[in-house]
Amino acid sequence: MTSADLTGSAPADADAELVARAQELFTTTALVSFRLNGQFLAIAEELSRPVGLTAARWQVLGAVLHEPLTVAGIARVMGITRQSVQRIADLLAEQGLAEYLPNPAHRRAKLLKATDEGLAAVRRITPQHAAVSARMAAEMGLPALAAAAEALIHLSAALDALTDTPPADA
């Protein structure tokens, strides 16, 4: 079935309609994502403030809770600039919440690792984080929350594919 079959109009008209609808959906998705980013950051600031962290510091610590990573690796996982991560990583190290370790794979790119104090700070956030998570699941319903998470993962993978693949007319 072609786009013309769906609309009953000429293929060029149908293609233009599909492109216009795709553009509208892409724009709506982007705008909602920007709003979601602000909403998540506001919640993260509220949760992290009582333990002396910021949302950004919590985010960087969270990236190295299970394994040390380079600053560039953290930036890739989080989707932010290496320079932003570097600044936050240095602050975390100054506070004793993280430490730099030698990297056997690369002499200059050290690994960042959460210290025991950093792990303890994140653990102090966990009860409030669990409470907000439970409230969100109650508000949306667990199946809808799971579907939203899956859709966002799929969206992120699609955006990665777009940025990894040059446009066809390039």
N, C-alpha and C. Protein backbone atom coordinates (compact mmCIF):
# COMPACT_ATOMS: atom_id res chain seq x y z
N MET A 1 0.85 -1.17 0.00
CA MET A 1 0.00 0.00 0.00
C MET A 1 0.90 1.23 0.00
N THR A 2 0.63 2.17 -0.87
CA THR A 2 1.42 3.39 -0.97
C THR A 2 0.72 4.53 -0.25
N SER A 3 1.43 5.65 -0.13
CA SER A 3 0.81 6.82 0.50
C SER A 3 -0.39 7.28 -0.31
N ALA A 4 -0.35 7.12 -1.65
CA ALA A 4 -1.50 7.49 -2.48
C ALA A 4 -2.71 6.62 -2.16
N ASP A 5 -2.47 5.32 -1.88
CA ASP A 5 -3.56 4.42 -1.52
C ASP A 5 -4.23 4.88 -0.23
N LEU A 6 -3.46 5.41 0.71
CA LEU A 6 -4.02 5.83 2.00
C LEU A 6 -4.86 7.09 1.88
N THR A 7 -4.46 8.01 1.01
CA THR A 7 -5.15 9.30 0.95
C THR A 7 -6.09 9.41 -0.22
N GLY A 8 -5.90 8.60 -1.26
CA GLY A 8 -6.75 8.67 -2.42
C GLY A 8 -6.36 9.81 -3.35
N SER A 9 -5.26 10.51 -3.08
CA SER A 9 -4.82 11.60 -3.93
C SER A 9 -3.57 11.19 -4.68
N ALA A 10 -3.07 12.09 -5.47
CA ALA A 10 -1.86 11.81 -6.24
C ALA A 10 -0.69 11.55 -5.31
N PRO A 11 0.26 10.73 -5.74
CA PRO A 11 1.42 10.41 -4.88
C PRO A 11 2.16 11.65 -4.38
N ALA A 12 2.35 12.66 -5.20
CA ALA A 12 3.07 13.85 -4.77
C ALA A 12 2.32 14.56 -3.65
N ASP A 13 1.00 14.64 -3.77
CA ASP A 13 0.20 15.27 -2.72
C ASP A 13 0.26 14.47 -1.43
N ALA A 14 0.18 13.15 -1.57
CA ALA A 14 0.22 12.29 -0.39
C ALA A 14 1.58 12.39 0.29
N ASP A 15 2.64 12.39 -0.51
CA ASP A 15 3.98 12.51 0.07
C ASP A 15 4.12 13.84 0.80
N ALA A 16 3.60 14.90 0.23
CA ALA A 16 3.68 16.21 0.88
C ALA A 16 2.89 16.21 2.18
N GLU A 17 1.74 15.56 2.17
CA GLU A 17 0.94 15.46 3.40
C GLU A 17 1.67 14.65 4.47
N LEU A 18 2.27 13.54 4.07
CA LEU A 18 3.02 12.71 5.01
C LEU A 18 4.21 13.47 5.59
N VAL A 19 4.91 14.21 4.74
CA VAL A 19 6.05 14.99 5.20
C VAL A 19 5.59 16.08 6.16
N ALA A 20 4.49 16.74 5.83
CA ALA A 20 3.97 17.79 6.71
C ALA A 20 3.54 17.21 8.06
N ARG A 21 2.89 16.06 8.03
CA ARG A 21 2.46 15.41 9.29
C ARG A 21 3.68 14.96 10.09
N ALA A 22 4.67 14.40 9.42
CA ALA A 22 5.89 13.97 10.11
C ALA A 22 6.59 15.18 10.74
N GLN A 23 6.63 16.29 10.02
CA GLN A 23 7.26 17.50 10.56
C GLN A 23 6.50 18.01 11.78
N GLU A 24 5.19 17.98 11.71
CA GLU A 24 4.36 18.41 12.84
C GLU A 24 4.61 17.51 14.07
N LEU A 25 4.64 16.21 13.86
CA LEU A 25 4.87 15.28 14.96
C LEU A 25 6.28 15.42 15.53
N PHE A 26 7.26 15.61 14.65
CA PHE A 26 8.64 15.79 15.09
C PHE A 26 8.76 17.05 15.96
N THR A 27 8.13 18.13 15.51
CA THR A 27 8.17 19.38 16.27
C THR A 27 7.47 19.23 17.62
N THR A 28 6.31 18.61 17.63
CA THR A 28 5.59 18.39 18.88
C THR A 28 6.42 17.55 19.84
N THR A 29 7.03 16.49 19.32
CA THR A 29 7.87 15.62 20.15
C THR A 29 9.04 16.40 20.74
N ALA A 30 9.68 17.23 19.93
CA ALA A 30 10.80 18.03 20.41
C ALA A 30 10.35 19.00 21.50
N LEU A 31 9.26 19.71 21.26
CA LEU A 31 8.78 20.69 22.24
C LEU A 31 8.38 20.03 23.56
N VAL A 32 7.71 18.89 23.47
CA VAL A 32 7.34 18.17 24.70
C VAL A 32 8.59 17.65 25.40
N SER A 33 9.58 17.21 24.64
CA SER A 33 10.83 16.73 25.23
C SER A 33 11.55 17.86 25.96
N PHE A 34 11.55 19.06 25.38
CA PHE A 34 12.18 20.20 26.06
C PHE A 34 11.46 20.49 27.38
N ARG A 35 10.13 20.43 27.36
CA ARG A 35 9.35 20.66 28.59
C ARG A 35 9.64 19.56 29.61
N LEU A 36 9.68 18.30 29.14
CA LEU A 36 9.99 17.18 30.03
C LEU A 36 11.37 17.35 30.66
N ASN A 37 12.34 17.79 29.88
CA ASN A 37 13.67 18.01 30.40
C ASN A 37 13.62 18.99 31.57
N GLY A 38 12.91 20.09 31.39
CA GLY A 38 12.78 21.07 32.47
C GLY A 38 12.07 20.49 33.68
N GLN A 39 11.03 19.71 33.44
CA GLN A 39 10.29 19.10 34.55
C GLN A 39 11.16 18.10 35.31
N PHE A 40 11.88 17.25 34.58
CA PHE A 40 12.76 16.28 35.24
C PHE A 40 13.88 16.98 36.00
N LEU A 41 14.45 18.03 35.42
CA LEU A 41 15.51 18.75 36.11
C LEU A 41 14.99 19.40 37.39
N ALA A 42 13.78 19.94 37.35
CA ALA A 42 13.21 20.56 38.56
C ALA A 42 13.02 19.51 39.66
N ILE A 43 12.51 18.34 39.30
CA ILE A 43 12.35 17.27 40.29
C ILE A 43 13.70 16.82 40.81
N ALA A 44 14.67 16.66 39.90
CA ALA A 44 16.01 16.22 40.31
C ALA A 44 16.65 17.24 41.25
N GLU A 45 16.47 18.52 40.98
CA GLU A 45 17.01 19.55 41.88
C GLU A 45 16.38 19.44 43.26
N GLU A 46 15.07 19.23 43.29
CA GLU A 46 14.35 19.11 44.56
C GLU A 46 14.81 17.88 45.35
N LEU A 47 15.04 16.77 44.65
CA LEU A 47 15.47 15.54 45.32
C LEU A 47 16.92 15.60 45.78
N SER A 48 17.77 16.24 45.00
CA SER A 48 19.20 16.23 45.31
C SER A 48 19.63 17.33 46.29
N ARG A 49 18.89 18.42 46.33
CA ARG A 49 19.27 19.56 47.19
C ARG A 49 19.45 19.18 48.66
N PRO A 50 18.56 18.40 49.28
CA PRO A 50 18.72 18.08 50.70
C PRO A 50 20.01 17.32 51.05
N VAL A 51 20.62 16.66 50.07
CA VAL A 51 21.86 15.94 50.36
C VAL A 51 23.09 16.71 49.87
N GLY A 52 22.89 17.98 49.50
CA GLY A 52 24.01 18.83 49.10
C GLY A 52 24.48 18.64 47.67
N LEU A 53 23.64 18.08 46.83
CA LEU A 53 23.98 17.91 45.42
C LEU A 53 23.10 18.81 44.57
N THR A 54 23.48 18.95 43.32
CA THR A 54 22.62 19.55 42.31
C THR A 54 22.17 18.43 41.38
N ALA A 55 21.20 18.72 40.53
CA ALA A 55 20.75 17.72 39.57
C ALA A 55 21.91 17.28 38.68
N ALA A 56 22.73 18.22 38.25
CA ALA A 56 23.86 17.88 37.37
C ALA A 56 24.87 17.00 38.07
N ARG A 57 25.17 17.31 39.32
CA ARG A 57 26.14 16.48 40.06
C ARG A 57 25.58 15.09 40.31
N TRP A 58 24.30 15.01 40.62
CA TRP A 58 23.65 13.70 40.81
C TRP A 58 23.71 12.91 39.51
N GLN A 59 23.46 13.58 38.38
CA GLN A 59 23.46 12.92 37.08
C GLN A 59 24.85 12.35 36.77
N VAL A 60 25.90 13.12 37.00
CA VAL A 60 27.25 12.63 36.73
C VAL A 60 27.61 11.49 37.69
N LEU A 61 27.30 11.66 38.96
CA LEU A 61 27.56 10.57 39.91
C LEU A 61 26.80 9.31 39.51
N GLY A 62 25.56 9.49 39.10
CA GLY A 62 24.75 8.35 38.68
C GLY A 62 25.37 7.58 37.53
N ALA A 63 26.06 8.28 36.65
CA ALA A 63 26.69 7.63 35.50
C ALA A 63 27.85 6.73 35.90
N VAL A 64 28.45 7.00 37.08
CA VAL A 64 29.63 6.22 37.49
C VAL A 64 29.37 5.41 38.77
N LEU A 65 28.12 5.16 39.08
CA LEU A 65 27.80 4.37 40.27
C LEU A 65 28.28 2.93 40.15
N HIS A 66 28.17 2.35 38.97
CA HIS A 66 28.46 0.93 38.81
C HIS A 66 29.82 0.65 38.21
N GLU A 67 30.35 1.62 37.45
CA GLU A 67 31.67 1.44 36.86
C GLU A 67 32.27 2.80 36.56
N PRO A 68 33.58 2.92 36.71
CA PRO A 68 34.23 4.18 36.35
C PRO A 68 34.15 4.41 34.84
N LEU A 69 34.02 5.67 34.46
CA LEU A 69 33.97 6.05 33.05
C LEU A 69 34.85 7.27 32.82
N THR A 70 35.26 7.46 31.58
CA THR A 70 35.95 8.70 31.24
C THR A 70 34.93 9.82 31.16
N VAL A 71 35.41 11.05 31.21
CA VAL A 71 34.52 12.20 31.07
C VAL A 71 33.80 12.13 29.72
N ALA A 72 34.53 11.77 28.67
CA ALA A 72 33.90 11.65 27.35
C ALA A 72 32.83 10.55 27.34
N GLY A 73 33.09 9.46 28.03
CA GLY A 73 32.10 8.38 28.12
C GLY A 73 30.85 8.81 28.86
N ILE A 74 31.02 9.56 29.93
CA ILE A 74 29.88 10.08 30.68
C ILE A 74 29.08 11.03 29.79
N ALA A 75 29.77 11.90 29.08
CA ALA A 75 29.09 12.86 28.19
C ALA A 75 28.27 12.13 27.13
N ARG A 76 28.83 11.06 26.57
CA ARG A 76 28.10 10.28 25.56
C ARG A 76 26.84 9.67 26.15
N VAL A 77 26.96 9.07 27.32
CA VAL A 77 25.81 8.41 27.97
C VAL A 77 24.72 9.44 28.30
N MET A 78 25.14 10.61 28.75
CA MET A 78 24.19 11.63 29.19
C MET A 78 23.71 12.54 28.06
N GLY A 79 24.41 12.54 26.94
CA GLY A 79 24.00 13.38 25.83
C GLY A 79 24.30 14.86 26.06
N ILE A 80 25.36 15.15 26.79
CA ILE A 80 25.75 16.55 27.01
C ILE A 80 27.22 16.72 26.63
N THR A 81 27.70 17.94 26.69
CA THR A 81 29.07 18.19 26.23
C THR A 81 30.10 17.66 27.22
N ARG A 82 31.24 17.31 26.68
CA ARG A 82 32.35 16.84 27.50
C ARG A 82 32.80 17.93 28.45
N GLN A 83 32.77 19.17 28.00
CA GLN A 83 33.20 20.28 28.84
C GLN A 83 32.31 20.44 30.07
N SER A 84 31.01 20.27 29.90
CA SER A 84 30.08 20.35 31.04
C SER A 84 30.37 19.25 32.05
N VAL A 85 30.58 18.04 31.55
CA VAL A 85 30.87 16.92 32.44
C VAL A 85 32.20 17.14 33.14
N GLN A 86 33.19 17.65 32.42
CA GLN A 86 34.50 17.89 33.02
C GLN A 86 34.40 18.84 34.21
N ARG A 87 33.66 19.92 34.02
CA ARG A 87 33.49 20.91 35.10
C ARG A 87 32.83 20.28 36.32
N ILE A 88 31.78 19.50 36.10
CA ILE A 88 31.06 18.86 37.21
C ILE A 88 31.92 17.77 37.85
N ALA A 89 32.62 16.99 37.04
CA ALA A 89 33.49 15.93 37.56
C ALA A 89 34.57 16.53 38.45
N ASP A 90 35.15 17.65 38.03
CA ASP A 90 36.18 18.31 38.84
C ASP A 90 35.61 18.77 40.18
N LEU A 91 34.39 19.31 40.16
CA LEU A 91 33.75 19.74 41.41
C LEU A 91 33.47 18.55 42.32
N LEU A 92 33.00 17.45 41.75
CA LEU A 92 32.74 16.25 42.54
C LEU A 92 34.03 15.72 43.17
N ALA A 93 35.11 15.77 42.42
CA ALA A 93 36.41 15.31 42.94
C ALA A 93 36.88 16.25 44.06
N GLU A 94 36.71 17.56 43.89
CA GLU A 94 37.08 18.51 44.94
C GLU A 94 36.29 18.28 46.22
N GLN A 95 35.03 17.88 46.08
CA GLN A 95 34.17 17.64 47.24
C GLN A 95 34.40 16.26 47.85
N GLY A 96 35.19 15.42 47.22
CA GLY A 96 35.42 14.08 47.72
C GLY A 96 34.30 13.10 47.39
N LEU A 97 33.41 13.49 46.47
CA LEU A 97 32.30 12.61 46.08
C LEU A 97 32.67 11.69 44.93
N ALA A 98 33.74 12.02 44.23
CA ALA A 98 34.26 11.19 43.14
C ALA A 98 35.77 11.35 43.12
N GLU A 99 36.41 10.44 42.40
CA GLU A 99 37.87 10.51 42.28
C GLU A 99 38.27 10.08 40.89
N TYR A 100 39.40 10.60 40.46
CA TYR A 100 39.97 10.20 39.17
C TYR A 100 40.93 9.04 39.39
N LEU A 101 40.84 8.07 38.49
CA LEU A 101 41.70 6.90 38.52
C LEU A 101 42.47 6.81 37.20
N PRO A 102 43.64 6.20 37.23
CA PRO A 102 44.34 5.97 35.96
C PRO A 102 43.50 5.08 35.05
N ASN A 103 43.60 5.33 33.77
CA ASN A 103 42.87 4.57 32.77
C ASN A 103 43.86 3.69 32.01
N PRO A 104 43.79 2.38 32.19
CA PRO A 104 44.75 1.51 31.51
C PRO A 104 44.61 1.58 29.98
N ALA A 105 43.45 2.00 29.47
CA ALA A 105 43.24 2.05 28.03
C ALA A 105 43.71 3.37 27.42
N HIS A 106 43.91 4.40 28.26
CA HIS A 106 44.28 5.71 27.72
C HIS A 106 44.98 6.50 28.81
N ARG A 107 46.22 6.87 28.55
CA ARG A 107 47.02 7.52 29.59
C ARG A 107 46.47 8.87 30.03
N ARG A 108 45.95 9.66 29.08
CA ARG A 108 45.50 11.02 29.43
C ARG A 108 44.04 11.08 29.87
N ALA A 109 43.18 10.20 29.39
CA ALA A 109 41.75 10.23 29.72
C ALA A 109 41.51 9.40 30.98
N LYS A 110 41.56 10.06 32.12
CA LYS A 110 41.38 9.34 33.39
C LYS A 110 39.92 8.88 33.53
N LEU A 111 39.74 7.92 34.42
CA LEU A 111 38.41 7.40 34.74
C LEU A 111 37.87 8.13 35.97
N LEU A 112 36.58 8.43 35.96
CA LEU A 112 35.93 9.01 37.13
C LEU A 112 35.17 7.90 37.84
N LYS A 113 35.35 7.85 39.15
CA LYS A 113 34.70 6.81 39.98
C LYS A 113 34.06 7.49 41.18
N ALA A 114 32.86 7.06 41.54
CA ALA A 114 32.21 7.57 42.74
C ALA A 114 32.95 7.05 43.97
N THR A 115 33.15 7.92 44.94
CA THR A 115 33.76 7.50 46.21
C THR A 115 32.67 6.93 47.11
N ASP A 116 33.07 6.39 48.24
CA ASP A 116 32.08 5.91 49.21
C ASP A 116 31.17 7.05 49.66
N GLU A 117 31.75 8.24 49.82
CA GLU A 117 30.95 9.41 50.20
C GLU A 117 29.96 9.78 49.10
N GLY A 118 30.37 9.67 47.84
CA GLY A 118 29.47 9.94 46.72
C GLY A 118 28.35 8.93 46.65
N LEU A 119 28.69 7.66 46.84
CA LEU A 119 27.67 6.60 46.85
C LEU A 119 26.67 6.84 47.98
N ALA A 120 27.17 7.25 49.14
CA ALA A 120 26.29 7.51 50.29
C ALA A 120 25.35 8.67 49.99
N ALA A 121 25.84 9.71 49.32
CA ALA A 121 24.99 10.85 48.97
C ALA A 121 23.86 10.41 48.06
N VAL A 122 24.19 9.60 47.06
CA VAL A 122 23.15 9.12 46.14
C VAL A 122 22.15 8.23 46.88
N ARG A 123 22.64 7.39 47.79
CA ARG A 123 21.74 6.51 48.56
C ARG A 123 20.77 7.33 49.42
N ARG A 124 21.21 8.50 49.89
CA ARG A 124 20.32 9.33 50.70
C ARG A 124 19.18 9.93 49.87
N ILE A 125 19.36 9.98 48.56
CA ILE A 125 18.30 10.46 47.67
C ILE A 125 17.28 9.36 47.40
N THR A 126 17.70 8.10 47.48
CA THR A 126 16.89 6.97 47.05
C THR A 126 15.48 6.93 47.65
N PRO A 127 15.27 7.17 48.94
CA PRO A 127 13.89 7.09 49.45
C PRO A 127 12.95 8.12 48.81
N GLN A 128 13.41 9.34 48.62
CA GLN A 128 12.57 10.35 47.98
C GLN A 128 12.38 10.04 46.50
N HIS A 129 13.42 9.52 45.87
CA HIS A 129 13.34 9.12 44.46
C HIS A 129 12.30 8.01 44.30
N ALA A 130 12.32 7.05 45.21
CA ALA A 130 11.34 5.96 45.17
C ALA A 130 9.92 6.49 45.36
N ALA A 131 9.75 7.46 46.25
CA ALA A 131 8.43 8.02 46.50
C ALA A 131 7.90 8.76 45.27
N VAL A 132 8.74 9.55 44.62
CA VAL A 132 8.31 10.26 43.40
C VAL A 132 8.00 9.25 42.30
N SER A 133 8.82 8.22 42.18
CA SER A 133 8.59 7.18 41.17
C SER A 133 7.25 6.49 41.39
N ALA A 134 6.94 6.18 42.65
CA ALA A 134 5.66 5.53 42.97
C ALA A 134 4.49 6.45 42.66
N ARG A 135 4.64 7.74 42.96
CA ARG A 135 3.57 8.70 42.65
C ARG A 135 3.36 8.81 41.15
N MET A 136 4.45 8.80 40.38
CA MET A 136 4.33 8.86 38.92
C MET A 136 3.63 7.61 38.39
N ALA A 137 4.01 6.44 38.91
CA ALA A 137 3.38 5.20 38.47
C ALA A 137 1.89 5.20 38.83
N ALA A 138 1.56 5.74 39.99
CA ALA A 138 0.14 5.81 40.38
C ALA A 138 -0.62 6.79 39.49
N GLU A 139 0.02 7.88 39.13
CA GLU A 139 -0.63 8.90 38.27
C GLU A 139 -0.89 8.37 36.87
N MET A 140 0.11 7.69 36.29
CA MET A 140 0.00 7.22 34.90
C MET A 140 -0.50 5.79 34.79
N GLY A 141 -0.23 5.00 35.81
CA GLY A 141 -0.42 3.56 35.70
C GLY A 141 0.90 2.96 35.25
N LEU A 142 1.28 1.86 35.87
CA LEU A 142 2.57 1.24 35.57
C LEU A 142 2.71 0.84 34.10
N PRO A 143 1.67 0.26 33.47
CA PRO A 143 1.82 -0.09 32.04
C PRO A 143 2.07 1.14 31.16
N ALA A 144 1.39 2.24 31.44
CA ALA A 144 1.59 3.45 30.64
C ALA A 144 2.97 4.05 30.88
N LEU A 145 3.45 4.00 32.11
CA LEU A 145 4.79 4.49 32.41
C LEU A 145 5.84 3.64 31.70
N ALA A 146 5.64 2.32 31.71
CA ALA A 146 6.56 1.42 31.01
C ALA A 146 6.54 1.70 29.50
N ALA A 147 5.36 1.93 28.95
CA ALA A 147 5.24 2.22 27.52
C ALA A 147 5.91 3.56 27.19
N ALA A 148 5.77 4.54 28.07
CA ALA A 148 6.43 5.83 27.84
C ALA A 148 7.94 5.67 27.86
N ALA A 149 8.44 4.92 28.82
CA ALA A 149 9.88 4.68 28.89
C ALA A 149 10.37 3.98 27.62
N GLU A 150 9.65 2.98 27.19
CA GLU A 150 10.03 2.25 25.97
C GLU A 150 9.98 3.17 24.75
N ALA A 151 8.97 4.01 24.65
CA ALA A 151 8.87 4.94 23.53
C ALA A 151 10.03 5.93 23.54
N LEU A 152 10.42 6.41 24.71
CA LEU A 152 11.53 7.35 24.79
C LEU A 152 12.86 6.68 24.42
N ILE A 153 13.03 5.43 24.82
CA ILE A 153 14.23 4.68 24.44
C ILE A 153 14.28 4.53 22.92
N HIS A 154 13.15 4.18 22.34
CA HIS A 154 13.05 4.02 20.88
C HIS A 154 13.32 5.35 20.18
N LEU A 155 12.74 6.44 20.69
CA LEU A 155 12.96 7.77 20.13
C LEU A 155 14.43 8.15 20.19
N SER A 156 15.07 7.90 21.31
CA SER A 156 16.49 8.22 21.46
C SER A 156 17.33 7.42 20.46
N ALA A 157 17.02 6.15 20.29
CA ALA A 157 17.75 5.32 19.33
C ALA A 157 17.54 5.84 17.90
N ALA A 158 16.33 6.26 17.59
CA ALA A 158 16.05 6.80 16.25
C ALA A 158 16.82 8.10 16.02
N LEU A 159 16.89 8.95 17.03
CA LEU A 159 17.66 10.19 16.89
C LEU A 159 19.15 9.90 16.75
N ASP A 160 19.64 8.89 17.49
CA ASP A 160 21.04 8.47 17.31
C ASP A 160 21.27 8.03 15.88
N ALA A 161 20.34 7.26 15.32
CA ALA A 161 20.48 6.79 13.94
C ALA A 161 20.49 7.96 12.96
N LEU A 162 19.68 8.97 13.23
CA LEU A 162 19.65 10.15 12.35
C LEU A 162 20.97 10.90 12.37
N THR A 163 21.55 11.03 13.54
CA THR A 163 22.79 11.79 13.65
C THR A 163 24.00 10.98 13.22
N ASP A 164 23.88 9.67 13.17
CA ASP A 164 24.98 8.80 12.74
C ASP A 164 24.97 8.58 11.23
N THR A 165 23.84 8.87 10.59
CA THR A 165 23.68 8.61 9.16
C THR A 165 23.51 9.93 8.42
N PRO A 166 24.36 10.21 7.44
CA PRO A 166 24.17 11.45 6.69
C PRO A 166 22.89 11.40 5.88
N PRO A 167 22.26 12.57 5.65
CA PRO A 167 21.04 12.59 4.84
C PRO A 167 21.30 12.01 3.45
N ALA A 168 20.26 11.47 2.83
CA ALA A 168 20.38 10.82 1.53
C ALA A 168 20.87 11.79 0.46
N ASP A 169 20.51 13.07 0.57
CA ASP A 169 20.89 14.04 -0.45
C ASP A 169 22.23 14.72 -0.15
N ALA A 170 22.93 14.26 0.90
CA ALA A 170 24.22 14.90 1.24
C ALA A 170 25.33 14.39 0.37
